């Protein structure tokens, strides 16, 4: 199945952690913030290369869910009630570099 097929499949749209439904249901009652963890794509793919029928199938699944997440994030940049930013992107590489004594150049 292609990444577009996965992103548009009933299983993906009706996933138990449907972010649209979560936000709609809990948003009026709680202050919701999302933390989006970004991991290098090839590292993510290599960590489970035997899943989903091999690297190509797993790549399509990962990309399909990335499309779903991107669609949600693009449509929900700010909280509709408070106007505050709804999500923050955190790069996993920056966390691991800090925690494991990375001594390379830092981006400015």
N, C-alpha and C. Protein backbone atom coordinates (compact mmCIF):
# COMPACT_ATOMS: atom_id res chain seq x y z
N UNK A 1 0.85 -1.17 0.00
CA UNK A 1 0.00 0.00 0.00
C UNK A 1 0.90 1.25 0.00
N UNK A 2 0.50 2.25 -0.71
CA UNK A 2 1.28 3.49 -0.79
C UNK A 2 1.07 4.34 0.47
N UNK A 3 1.93 5.34 0.65
CA UNK A 3 1.77 6.21 1.82
C UNK A 3 0.45 6.97 1.76
N UNK A 4 0.02 7.39 0.54
CA UNK A 4 -1.27 8.08 0.42
C UNK A 4 -2.41 7.15 0.78
N UNK A 5 -2.32 5.90 0.34
CA UNK A 5 -3.34 4.92 0.67
C UNK A 5 -3.45 4.68 2.16
N UNK A 6 -2.29 4.62 2.81
CA UNK A 6 -2.28 4.42 4.26
C UNK A 6 -2.88 5.63 4.96
N UNK A 7 -2.48 6.84 4.55
CA UNK A 7 -2.97 8.06 5.20
C UNK A 7 -4.47 8.24 5.02
N UNK A 8 -5.04 7.69 3.94
CA UNK A 8 -6.47 7.85 3.68
C UNK A 8 -7.28 6.61 4.04
N UNK A 9 -6.64 5.59 4.60
CA UNK A 9 -7.33 4.34 4.92
C UNK A 9 -8.26 4.52 6.12
N UNK A 10 -9.27 3.68 6.19
CA UNK A 10 -10.20 3.70 7.32
C UNK A 10 -9.47 3.45 8.64
N UNK A 11 -8.48 2.54 8.61
CA UNK A 11 -7.74 2.22 9.83
C UNK A 11 -7.00 3.44 10.36
N UNK A 12 -6.41 4.23 9.48
CA UNK A 12 -5.67 5.41 9.92
C UNK A 12 -6.61 6.51 10.38
N UNK A 13 -7.66 6.75 9.62
CA UNK A 13 -8.60 7.82 9.95
C UNK A 13 -9.36 7.52 11.24
N UNK A 14 -9.65 6.24 11.48
CA UNK A 14 -10.38 5.84 12.68
C UNK A 14 -9.48 5.24 13.75
N UNK A 15 -8.21 5.62 13.71
CA UNK A 15 -7.23 5.14 14.69
C UNK A 15 -7.70 5.53 16.09
N UNK A 16 -7.44 4.69 17.10
CA UNK A 16 -7.87 5.03 18.47
C UNK A 16 -7.34 6.37 18.97
N UNK A 17 -6.22 6.82 18.43
CA UNK A 17 -5.68 8.12 18.83
C UNK A 17 -5.90 9.10 17.68
N UNK A 18 -7.16 9.35 17.38
CA UNK A 18 -7.52 10.31 16.34
C UNK A 18 -7.38 11.70 16.94
N UNK A 19 -6.38 12.46 16.47
CA UNK A 19 -6.09 13.77 17.07
C UNK A 19 -7.22 14.76 16.90
N UNK A 20 -7.93 14.69 15.79
CA UNK A 20 -9.06 15.60 15.56
C UNK A 20 -10.15 15.37 16.61
N UNK A 21 -10.51 14.09 16.81
CA UNK A 21 -11.55 13.77 17.78
C UNK A 21 -11.09 14.06 19.20
N UNK A 22 -9.82 13.77 19.50
CA UNK A 22 -9.27 14.06 20.82
C UNK A 22 -9.39 15.54 21.14
N UNK A 23 -8.97 16.38 20.21
CA UNK A 23 -9.01 17.83 20.42
C UNK A 23 -10.45 18.33 20.55
N UNK A 24 -11.33 17.80 19.71
CA UNK A 24 -12.74 18.21 19.76
C UNK A 24 -13.40 17.81 21.08
N UNK A 25 -13.08 16.61 21.56
CA UNK A 25 -13.71 16.11 22.77
C UNK A 25 -13.16 16.77 24.04
N UNK A 26 -11.84 16.89 24.14
CA UNK A 26 -11.24 17.38 25.38
C UNK A 26 -10.90 18.87 25.35
N UNK A 27 -10.80 19.46 24.17
CA UNK A 27 -10.42 20.86 24.04
C UNK A 27 -11.24 21.84 24.86
N UNK A 28 -12.56 21.69 24.89
CA UNK A 28 -13.37 22.63 25.67
C UNK A 28 -13.19 22.49 27.20
N UNK A 29 -12.60 21.37 27.64
CA UNK A 29 -12.53 21.08 29.07
C UNK A 29 -11.12 21.11 29.64
N UNK A 30 -10.11 21.13 28.79
CA UNK A 30 -8.73 21.08 29.27
C UNK A 30 -7.82 21.89 28.35
N UNK A 31 -6.74 22.35 28.90
CA UNK A 31 -5.75 23.06 28.11
C UNK A 31 -4.84 22.01 27.47
N UNK A 32 -4.91 21.88 26.16
CA UNK A 32 -4.18 20.83 25.45
C UNK A 32 -2.99 21.43 24.72
N UNK A 33 -1.86 20.78 24.85
CA UNK A 33 -0.64 21.12 24.11
C UNK A 33 -0.06 19.83 23.58
N UNK A 34 0.43 19.85 22.36
CA UNK A 34 1.07 18.69 21.77
C UNK A 34 2.57 18.93 21.66
N UNK A 35 3.35 17.92 21.96
CA UNK A 35 4.79 17.94 21.74
C UNK A 35 5.06 16.95 20.61
N UNK A 36 5.59 17.44 19.52
CA UNK A 36 5.86 16.61 18.34
C UNK A 36 7.34 16.28 18.34
N UNK A 37 7.66 15.00 18.46
CA UNK A 37 9.05 14.57 18.44
C UNK A 37 9.47 14.29 17.01
N UNK A 38 10.53 14.91 16.58
CA UNK A 38 11.06 14.68 15.24
C UNK A 38 12.31 13.83 15.36
N UNK A 39 12.31 12.72 14.67
CA UNK A 39 13.44 11.80 14.65
C UNK A 39 13.92 11.68 13.21
N UNK A 40 15.23 11.60 12.98
CA UNK A 40 15.70 11.45 11.60
C UNK A 40 15.03 10.24 10.94
N UNK A 41 14.52 10.46 9.74
CA UNK A 41 13.72 9.46 9.04
C UNK A 41 14.45 8.14 8.87
N UNK A 42 15.68 8.17 8.41
CA UNK A 42 16.42 6.92 8.18
C UNK A 42 16.68 6.17 9.47
N UNK A 43 16.94 6.88 10.57
CA UNK A 43 17.11 6.22 11.87
C UNK A 43 15.82 5.54 12.30
N UNK A 44 14.71 6.22 12.08
CA UNK A 44 13.41 5.67 12.45
C UNK A 44 13.11 4.42 11.62
N UNK A 45 13.39 4.49 10.35
CA UNK A 45 13.14 3.36 9.46
C UNK A 45 14.05 2.18 9.82
N UNK A 46 15.31 2.44 10.07
CA UNK A 46 16.28 1.39 10.36
C UNK A 46 16.00 0.69 11.69
N UNK A 47 15.32 1.37 12.61
CA UNK A 47 15.09 0.77 13.92
C UNK A 47 14.11 -0.41 13.87
N UNK A 48 13.28 -0.47 12.84
CA UNK A 48 12.31 -1.57 12.72
C UNK A 48 12.21 -2.03 11.27
N UNK A 49 13.33 -2.33 10.68
CA UNK A 49 13.39 -2.64 9.25
C UNK A 49 12.62 -3.91 8.88
N UNK A 50 12.35 -4.79 9.83
CA UNK A 50 11.62 -6.02 9.53
C UNK A 50 10.10 -5.88 9.68
N UNK A 51 9.64 -4.74 10.16
CA UNK A 51 8.20 -4.55 10.32
C UNK A 51 7.53 -4.27 8.99
N UNK A 52 6.27 -4.57 8.88
CA UNK A 52 5.43 -4.22 7.73
C UNK A 52 5.96 -4.81 6.42
N UNK A 53 6.56 -5.98 6.49
CA UNK A 53 7.02 -6.66 5.29
C UNK A 53 8.38 -6.20 4.78
N UNK A 54 9.12 -5.48 5.58
CA UNK A 54 10.45 -5.03 5.16
C UNK A 54 10.55 -3.52 5.12
N UNK A 55 11.72 -3.05 4.71
CA UNK A 55 12.00 -1.60 4.78
C UNK A 55 11.06 -0.78 3.90
N UNK A 56 10.68 -1.30 2.73
CA UNK A 56 9.81 -0.52 1.84
C UNK A 56 8.40 -0.38 2.41
N UNK A 57 7.86 -1.49 2.91
CA UNK A 57 6.53 -1.45 3.52
C UNK A 57 6.51 -0.60 4.77
N UNK A 58 7.55 -0.72 5.59
CA UNK A 58 7.62 0.07 6.82
C UNK A 58 7.79 1.55 6.48
N UNK A 59 8.54 1.83 5.43
CA UNK A 59 8.71 3.21 4.98
C UNK A 59 7.37 3.82 4.58
N UNK A 60 6.55 3.07 3.88
CA UNK A 60 5.23 3.57 3.47
C UNK A 60 4.32 3.82 4.68
N UNK A 61 4.37 2.94 5.67
CA UNK A 61 3.56 3.12 6.88
C UNK A 61 4.00 4.38 7.62
N UNK A 62 5.30 4.54 7.80
CA UNK A 62 5.83 5.72 8.50
C UNK A 62 5.43 7.00 7.75
N UNK A 63 5.63 7.01 6.43
CA UNK A 63 5.30 8.20 5.65
C UNK A 63 3.81 8.47 5.66
N UNK A 64 2.99 7.43 5.66
CA UNK A 64 1.54 7.62 5.74
C UNK A 64 1.13 8.31 7.03
N UNK A 65 1.70 7.86 8.15
CA UNK A 65 1.37 8.49 9.42
C UNK A 65 1.99 9.88 9.53
N UNK A 66 3.12 10.11 8.88
CA UNK A 66 3.69 11.47 8.84
C UNK A 66 2.75 12.41 8.09
N UNK A 67 2.12 11.91 7.02
CA UNK A 67 1.16 12.73 6.27
C UNK A 67 -0.05 13.07 7.14
N UNK A 68 -0.56 12.09 7.89
CA UNK A 68 -1.68 12.35 8.79
C UNK A 68 -1.32 13.40 9.83
N UNK A 69 -0.16 13.26 10.43
CA UNK A 69 0.27 14.21 11.45
C UNK A 69 0.47 15.60 10.86
N UNK A 70 1.10 15.69 9.69
CA UNK A 70 1.34 16.98 9.05
C UNK A 70 0.02 17.69 8.75
N UNK A 71 -0.96 16.93 8.24
CA UNK A 71 -2.27 17.49 7.93
C UNK A 71 -2.90 18.09 9.19
N UNK A 72 -2.84 17.35 10.29
CA UNK A 72 -3.41 17.82 11.56
C UNK A 72 -2.68 19.08 12.03
N UNK A 73 -1.35 19.05 12.03
CA UNK A 73 -0.58 20.19 12.52
C UNK A 73 -0.80 21.44 11.68
N UNK A 74 -0.92 21.28 10.37
CA UNK A 74 -1.17 22.43 9.50
C UNK A 74 -2.53 23.07 9.79
N UNK A 75 -3.50 22.25 10.13
CA UNK A 75 -4.86 22.76 10.38
C UNK A 75 -5.04 23.27 11.82
N UNK A 76 -4.12 22.94 12.70
CA UNK A 76 -4.27 23.30 14.12
C UNK A 76 -2.99 23.94 14.64
N UNK A 77 -2.67 25.09 14.12
CA UNK A 77 -1.46 25.78 14.56
C UNK A 77 -1.66 26.43 15.93
N UNK A 78 -2.87 26.93 16.17
CA UNK A 78 -3.17 27.58 17.45
C UNK A 78 -4.46 26.99 18.04
N UNK A 79 -4.58 27.11 19.34
CA UNK A 79 -5.77 26.67 20.04
C UNK A 79 -6.92 27.60 19.66
N UNK A 80 -8.04 27.05 19.27
CA UNK A 80 -9.16 27.87 18.81
C UNK A 80 -9.79 28.69 19.93
N UNK A 81 -9.65 28.27 21.18
CA UNK A 81 -10.23 29.00 22.30
C UNK A 81 -9.28 30.07 22.84
N UNK A 82 -8.02 29.70 23.06
CA UNK A 82 -7.08 30.64 23.69
C UNK A 82 -6.25 31.43 22.69
N UNK A 83 -6.11 30.92 21.48
CA UNK A 83 -5.26 31.57 20.48
C UNK A 83 -3.79 31.28 20.67
N UNK A 84 -3.44 30.45 21.67
CA UNK A 84 -2.05 30.09 21.93
C UNK A 84 -1.58 29.00 20.97
N UNK A 85 -0.28 28.94 20.77
CA UNK A 85 0.31 27.90 19.92
C UNK A 85 -0.06 26.53 20.49
N UNK A 86 -0.52 25.64 19.63
CA UNK A 86 -1.04 24.35 20.08
C UNK A 86 0.02 23.28 20.19
N UNK A 87 1.10 23.41 19.41
CA UNK A 87 2.10 22.35 19.41
C UNK A 87 3.51 22.92 19.31
N UNK A 88 4.46 22.09 19.77
CA UNK A 88 5.88 22.43 19.73
C UNK A 88 6.63 21.27 19.13
N UNK A 89 7.57 21.56 18.25
CA UNK A 89 8.40 20.54 17.61
C UNK A 89 9.70 20.41 18.39
N UNK A 90 10.04 19.19 18.76
CA UNK A 90 11.29 18.92 19.47
C UNK A 90 12.09 17.93 18.63
N UNK A 91 13.30 18.30 18.28
CA UNK A 91 14.17 17.42 17.49
C UNK A 91 14.90 16.46 18.43
N UNK A 92 14.69 15.18 18.25
CA UNK A 92 15.28 14.16 19.11
C UNK A 92 16.80 14.23 19.06
N UNK A 93 17.37 14.55 17.90
CA UNK A 93 18.83 14.64 17.80
C UNK A 93 19.39 15.66 18.78
N UNK A 94 18.70 16.77 18.95
CA UNK A 94 19.17 17.80 19.88
C UNK A 94 19.13 17.28 21.31
N UNK A 95 18.11 16.51 21.65
CA UNK A 95 18.02 15.96 22.99
C UNK A 95 19.14 14.96 23.25
N UNK A 96 19.35 14.05 22.32
CA UNK A 96 20.37 13.02 22.51
C UNK A 96 21.76 13.63 22.49
N UNK A 97 21.97 14.63 21.65
CA UNK A 97 23.28 15.28 21.61
C UNK A 97 23.58 15.94 22.95
N UNK A 98 22.59 16.58 23.52
CA UNK A 98 22.79 17.26 24.81
C UNK A 98 23.04 16.25 25.92
N UNK A 99 22.27 15.16 25.90
CA UNK A 99 22.38 14.18 26.97
C UNK A 99 23.62 13.30 26.86
N UNK A 100 24.15 13.14 25.67
CA UNK A 100 25.27 12.24 25.49
C UNK A 100 26.58 12.96 25.17
N UNK A 101 26.67 14.21 25.53
CA UNK A 101 27.92 14.92 25.43
C UNK A 101 28.36 15.24 24.01
N UNK A 102 27.44 15.52 23.12
CA UNK A 102 27.78 15.89 21.74
C UNK A 102 28.65 17.13 21.77
N UNK A 103 29.75 17.11 21.04
CA UNK A 103 30.69 18.22 21.05
C UNK A 103 30.82 18.87 19.69
N UNK A 104 29.90 18.60 18.78
CA UNK A 104 29.95 19.16 17.43
C UNK A 104 29.46 20.59 17.41
N UNK A 105 29.36 21.13 16.21
CA UNK A 105 28.89 22.51 16.07
C UNK A 105 27.40 22.60 16.33
N UNK A 106 27.00 23.64 16.99
CA UNK A 106 25.59 23.90 17.24
C UNK A 106 25.06 24.84 16.17
N UNK A 107 23.83 24.62 15.76
CA UNK A 107 23.18 25.53 14.81
C UNK A 107 22.80 26.80 15.54
N UNK A 108 22.87 27.92 14.85
CA UNK A 108 22.45 29.18 15.46
C UNK A 108 21.30 29.76 14.71
